[in-house]
Amino acid sequence: MKWTRAIIDEANVVGGGSVGPQKKLVLGGALFIGLRIPVPIILVRDFLQRQHC
């Protein structure tokens, strides 16, 4: 079987600006994910300590 190269869909330039990461979105996502892990652990530990006393 011989592979042939064909252009399926040509790229279009939209906006003409530079492409880069969305810093606020990345920072917000990292903050959200970073808080999802320690906060429940702290809450559960606090709850268990209060139940024990």
PDB file of N, CA and C in Angstrom:
ATOM      1  N   MET A   1       0.844  -1.167   0.000  1.00  0.00           N
ATOM      2  CA  MET A   1       0.000   0.000   0.000  1.00  0.00           C
ATOM      3  C   MET A   1       0.895   1.237   0.000  1.00  0.00           C
ATOM      4  N   LYS A   2       0.658   2.118  -0.929  1.00  0.00           N
ATOM      5  CA  LYS A   2       1.467   3.326  -1.054  1.00  0.00           C
ATOM      6  C   LYS A   2       0.710   4.496  -0.435  1.00  0.00           C
ATOM      7  N   TRP A   3       1.427   5.251   0.423  1.00  0.00           N
ATOM      8  CA  TRP A   3       0.827   6.412   1.073  1.00  0.00           C
ATOM      9  C   TRP A   3       1.032   7.638   0.213  1.00  0.00           C
ATOM     10  N   THR A   4      -0.004   8.383   0.023  1.00  0.00           N
ATOM     11  CA  THR A   4       0.107   9.641  -0.710  1.00  0.00           C
ATOM     12  C   THR A   4      -0.248  10.781   0.229  1.00  0.00           C
ATOM     13  N   ARG A   5       0.417  11.896   0.055  1.00  0.00           N
ATOM     14  CA  ARG A   5       0.148  13.062   0.886  1.00  0.00           C
ATOM     15  C   ARG A   5      -0.834  13.968   0.170  1.00  0.00           C
ATOM     16  N   ALA A   6      -1.883  14.309   0.887  1.00  0.00           N
ATOM     17  CA  ALA A   6      -2.883  15.207   0.336  1.00  0.00           C
ATOM     18  C   ALA A   6      -3.291  16.197   1.417  1.00  0.00           C
ATOM     19  N   ILE A   7      -3.554  17.415   1.007  1.00  0.00           N
ATOM     20  CA  ILE A   7      -4.024  18.423   1.949  1.00  0.00           C
ATOM     21  C   ILE A   7      -5.525  18.227   2.120  1.00  0.00           C
ATOM     22  N   ILE A   8      -5.911  17.901   3.349  1.00  0.00           N
ATOM     23  CA  ILE A   8      -7.325  17.665   3.625  1.00  0.00           C
ATOM     24  C   ILE A   8      -8.049  18.983   3.846  1.00  0.00           C
ATOM     25  N   ASP A   9      -7.452  19.849   4.683  1.00  0.00           N
ATOM     26  CA  ASP A   9      -8.079  21.126   5.003  1.00  0.00           C
ATOM     27  C   ASP A   9      -6.963  22.148   5.192  1.00  0.00           C
ATOM     28  N   GLU A  10      -6.974  23.190   4.416  1.00  0.00           N
ATOM     29  CA  GLU A  10      -5.919  24.192   4.513  1.00  0.00           C
ATOM     30  C   GLU A  10      -6.119  25.065   5.741  1.00  0.00           C
ATOM     31  N   ALA A  11      -5.005  25.481   6.337  1.00  0.00           N
ATOM     32  CA  ALA A  11      -5.050  26.337   7.521  1.00  0.00           C
ATOM     33  C   ALA A  11      -5.413  27.757   7.112  1.00  0.00           C
ATOM     34  N   ASN A  12      -6.237  28.396   7.927  1.00  0.00           N
ATOM     35  CA  ASN A  12      -6.624  29.779   7.684  1.00  0.00           C
ATOM     36  C   ASN A  12      -6.079  30.660   8.798  1.00  0.00           C
ATOM     37  N   VAL A  13      -5.618  31.851   8.452  1.00  0.00           N
ATOM     38  CA  VAL A  13      -5.140  32.804   9.438  1.00  0.00           C
ATOM     39  C   VAL A  13      -6.334  33.630   9.901  1.00  0.00           C
ATOM     40  N   VAL A  14      -6.583  33.614  11.221  1.00  0.00           N
ATOM     41  CA  VAL A  14      -7.704  34.352  11.792  1.00  0.00           C
ATOM     42  C   VAL A  14      -7.152  35.316  12.826  1.00  0.00           C
ATOM     43  N   GLY A  15      -7.473  36.574  12.700  1.00  0.00           N
ATOM     44  CA  GLY A  15      -7.049  37.565  13.683  1.00  0.00           C
ATOM     45  C   GLY A  15      -5.687  38.162  13.405  1.00  0.00           C
ATOM     46  N   GLY A  16      -4.777  37.407  12.900  1.00  0.00           N
ATOM     47  CA  GLY A  16      -3.460  37.917  12.551  1.00  0.00           C
ATOM     48  C   GLY A  16      -2.542  38.176  13.734  1.00  0.00           C
ATOM     49  N   GLY A  17      -2.992  37.934  14.968  1.00  0.00           N
ATOM     50  CA  GLY A  17      -2.170  38.168  16.152  1.00  0.00           C
ATOM     51  C   GLY A  17      -1.299  36.967  16.465  1.00  0.00           C
ATOM     52  N   SER A  18      -0.419  37.162  17.438  1.00  0.00           N
ATOM     53  CA  SER A  18       0.444  36.061  17.831  1.00  0.00           C
ATOM     54  C   SER A  18      -0.332  35.061  18.687  1.00  0.00           C
ATOM     55  N   VAL A  19       0.137  33.840  18.673  1.00  0.00           N
ATOM     56  CA  VAL A  19      -0.502  32.775  19.426  1.00  0.00           C
ATOM     57  C   VAL A  19       0.373  32.465  20.628  1.00  0.00           C
ATOM     58  N   GLY A  20      -0.252  32.374  21.789  1.00  0.00           N
ATOM     59  CA  GLY A  20       0.505  32.084  23.002  1.00  0.00           C
ATOM     60  C   GLY A  20      -0.407  31.555  24.080  1.00  0.00           C
ATOM     61  N   PRO A  21       0.181  31.181  25.211  1.00  0.00           N
ATOM     62  CA  PRO A  21      -0.642  30.651  26.294  1.00  0.00           C
ATOM     63  C   PRO A  21      -1.500  31.728  26.938  1.00  0.00           C
ATOM     64  N   GLN A  22      -2.651  31.342  27.422  1.00  0.00           N
ATOM     65  CA  GLN A  22      -3.535  32.263  28.136  1.00  0.00           C
ATOM     66  C   GLN A  22      -3.135  32.210  29.608  1.00  0.00           C
ATOM     67  N   LYS A  23      -2.333  33.189  30.026  1.00  0.00           N
ATOM     68  CA  LYS A  23      -1.706  33.147  31.343  1.00  0.00           C
ATOM     69  C   LYS A  23      -2.714  33.115  32.481  1.00  0.00           C
ATOM     70  N   LYS A  24      -3.769  33.906  32.395  1.00  0.00           N
ATOM     71  CA  LYS A  24      -4.755  33.936  33.480  1.00  0.00           C
ATOM     72  C   LYS A  24      -5.490  32.607  33.598  1.00  0.00           C
ATOM     73  N   LEU A  25      -5.800  31.997  32.469  1.00  0.00           N
ATOM     74  CA  LEU A  25      -6.490  30.716  32.489  1.00  0.00           C
ATOM     75  C   LEU A  25      -5.596  29.626  33.076  1.00  0.00           C
ATOM     76  N   VAL A  26      -4.333  29.614  32.681  1.00  0.00           N
ATOM     77  CA  VAL A  26      -3.393  28.619  33.191  1.00  0.00           C
ATOM     78  C   VAL A  26      -3.181  28.808  34.688  1.00  0.00           C
ATOM     79  N   LEU A  27      -3.000  30.055  35.136  1.00  0.00           N
ATOM     80  CA  LEU A  27      -2.797  30.336  36.554  1.00  0.00           C
ATOM     81  C   LEU A  27      -4.037  29.966  37.368  1.00  0.00           C
ATOM     82  N   GLY A  28      -5.211  30.318  36.866  1.00  0.00           N
ATOM     83  CA  GLY A  28      -6.445  29.971  37.564  1.00  0.00           C
ATOM     84  C   GLY A  28      -6.649  28.470  37.660  1.00  0.00           C
ATOM     85  N   GLY A  29      -6.362  27.766  36.586  1.00  0.00           N
ATOM     86  CA  GLY A  29      -6.488  26.309  36.597  1.00  0.00           C
ATOM     87  C   GLY A  29      -5.514  25.655  37.558  1.00  0.00           C
ATOM     88  N   ALA A  30      -4.281  26.145  37.586  1.00  0.00           N
ATOM     89  CA  ALA A  30      -3.281  25.601  38.507  1.00  0.00           C
ATOM     90  C   ALA A  30      -3.677  25.866  39.954  1.00  0.00           C
ATOM     91  N   LEU A  31      -4.195  27.054  40.221  1.00  0.00           N
ATOM     92  CA  LEU A  31      -4.636  27.388  41.575  1.00  0.00           C
ATOM     93  C   LEU A  31      -5.811  26.507  41.988  1.00  0.00           C
ATOM     94  N   PHE A  32      -6.749  26.317  41.089  1.00  0.00           N
ATOM     95  CA  PHE A  32      -7.916  25.482  41.375  1.00  0.00           C
ATOM     96  C   PHE A  32      -7.502  24.041  41.660  1.00  0.00           C
ATOM     97  N   ILE A  33      -6.653  23.489  40.814  1.00  0.00           N
ATOM     98  CA  ILE A  33      -6.202  22.109  41.003  1.00  0.00           C
ATOM     99  C   ILE A  33      -5.327  21.997  42.249  1.00  0.00           C
ATOM    100  N   GLY A  34      -4.497  23.008  42.492  1.00  0.00           N
ATOM    101  CA  GLY A  34      -3.625  22.986  43.661  1.00  0.00           C
ATOM    102  C   GLY A  34      -4.382  23.037  44.968  1.00  0.00           C
ATOM    103  N   LEU A  35      -5.535  23.675  44.995  1.00  0.00           N
ATOM    104  CA  LEU A  35      -6.322  23.753  46.225  1.00  0.00           C
ATOM    105  C   LEU A  35      -7.259  22.564  46.398  1.00  0.00           C
ATOM    106  N   ARG A  36      -7.555  21.870  45.325  1.00  0.00           N
ATOM    107  CA  ARG A  36      -8.463  20.720  45.416  1.00  0.00           C
ATOM    108  C   ARG A  36      -7.845  19.573  46.196  1.00  0.00           C
ATOM    109  N   ILE A  37      -6.534  19.489  46.237  1.00  0.00           N
ATOM    110  CA  ILE A  37      -5.886  18.369  46.923  1.00  0.00           C
ATOM    111  C   ILE A  37      -5.727  18.629  48.428  1.00  0.00           C
ATOM    112  N   PRO A  38      -5.094  19.724  48.873  1.00  0.00           N
ATOM    113  CA  PRO A  38      -4.847  19.874  50.311  1.00  0.00           C
ATOM    114  C   PRO A  38      -6.070  20.265  51.140  1.00  0.00           C
ATOM    115  N   VAL A  39      -6.994  21.016  50.592  1.00  0.00           N
ATOM    116  CA  VAL A  39      -8.136  21.492  51.386  1.00  0.00           C
ATOM    117  C   VAL A  39      -8.979  20.335  51.929  1.00  0.00           C
ATOM    118  N   PRO A  40      -9.379  19.352  51.123  1.00  0.00           N
ATOM    119  CA  PRO A  40     -10.153  18.239  51.703  1.00  0.00           C
ATOM    120  C   PRO A  40      -9.363  17.451  52.753  1.00  0.00           C
ATOM    121  N   ILE A  41      -8.064  17.300  52.557  1.00  0.00           N
ATOM    122  CA  ILE A  41      -7.248  16.582  53.538  1.00  0.00           C
ATOM    123  C   ILE A  41      -7.260  17.318  54.868  1.00  0.00           C
ATOM    124  N   ILE A  42      -7.081  18.631  54.829  1.00  0.00           N
ATOM    125  CA  ILE A  42      -7.090  19.435  56.051  1.00  0.00           C
ATOM    126  C   ILE A  42      -8.458  19.370  56.719  1.00  0.00           C
ATOM    127  N   LEU A  43      -9.517  19.469  55.941  1.00  0.00           N
ATOM    128  CA  LEU A  43     -10.862  19.424  56.512  1.00  0.00           C
ATOM    129  C   LEU A  43     -11.164  18.071  57.157  1.00  0.00           C
ATOM    130  N   VAL A  44     -10.764  16.989  56.521  1.00  0.00           N
ATOM    131  CA  VAL A  44     -11.013  15.655  57.073  1.00  0.00           C
ATOM    132  C   VAL A  44     -10.211  15.458  58.354  1.00  0.00           C
ATOM    133  N   ARG A  45      -8.943  15.872  58.354  1.00  0.00           N
ATOM    134  CA  ARG A  45      -8.126  15.736  59.568  1.00  0.00           C
ATOM    135  C   ARG A  45      -8.719  16.539  60.716  1.00  0.00           C
ATOM    136  N   ASP A  46      -9.161  17.749  60.427  1.00  0.00           N
ATOM    137  CA  ASP A  46      -9.760  18.587  61.459  1.00  0.00           C
ATOM    138  C   ASP A  46     -11.049  17.955  61.982  1.00  0.00           C
ATOM    139  N   PHE A  47     -11.850  17.423  61.078  1.00  0.00           N
ATOM    140  CA  PHE A  47     -13.103  16.777  61.475  1.00  0.00           C
ATOM    141  C   PHE A  47     -12.834  15.572  62.370  1.00  0.00           C
ATOM    142  N   LEU A  48     -11.845  14.754  62.000  1.00  0.00           N
ATOM    143  CA  LEU A  48     -11.533  13.566  62.788  1.00  0.00           C
ATOM    144  C   LEU A  48     -10.963  13.930  64.151  1.00  0.00           C
ATOM    145  N   GLN A  49     -10.174  14.985  64.222  1.00  0.00           N
ATOM    146  CA  GLN A  49      -9.623  15.409  65.509  1.00  0.00           C
ATOM    147  C   GLN A  49     -10.722  15.947  66.416  1.00  0.00           C
ATOM    148  N   ARG A  50     -11.675  16.656  65.864  1.00  0.00           N
ATOM    149  CA  ARG A  50     -12.773  17.188  66.678  1.00  0.00           C
ATOM    150  C   ARG A  50     -13.684  16.063  67.170  1.00  0.00           C
ATOM    151  N   GLN A  51     -13.835  15.009  66.399  1.00  0.00           N
ATOM    152  CA  GLN A  51     -14.667  13.879  66.805  1.00  0.00           C
ATOM    153  C   GLN A  51     -14.003  13.101  67.939  1.00  0.00           C
ATOM    154  N   HIS A  52     -12.703  13.067  67.947  1.00  0.00           N
ATOM    155  CA  HIS A  52     -11.953  12.295  68.936  1.00  0.00           C
ATOM    156  C   HIS A  52     -12.004  12.942  70.314  1.00  0.00           C
ATOM    157  N   CYS A  53     -11.980  14.255  70.387  1.00  0.00           N
ATOM    158  CA  CYS A  53     -11.951  14.953  71.680  1.00  0.00           C
ATOM    159  C   CYS A  53     -13.302  15.023  72.339  1.00  0.00           C
TER     160      CYS A  53
END
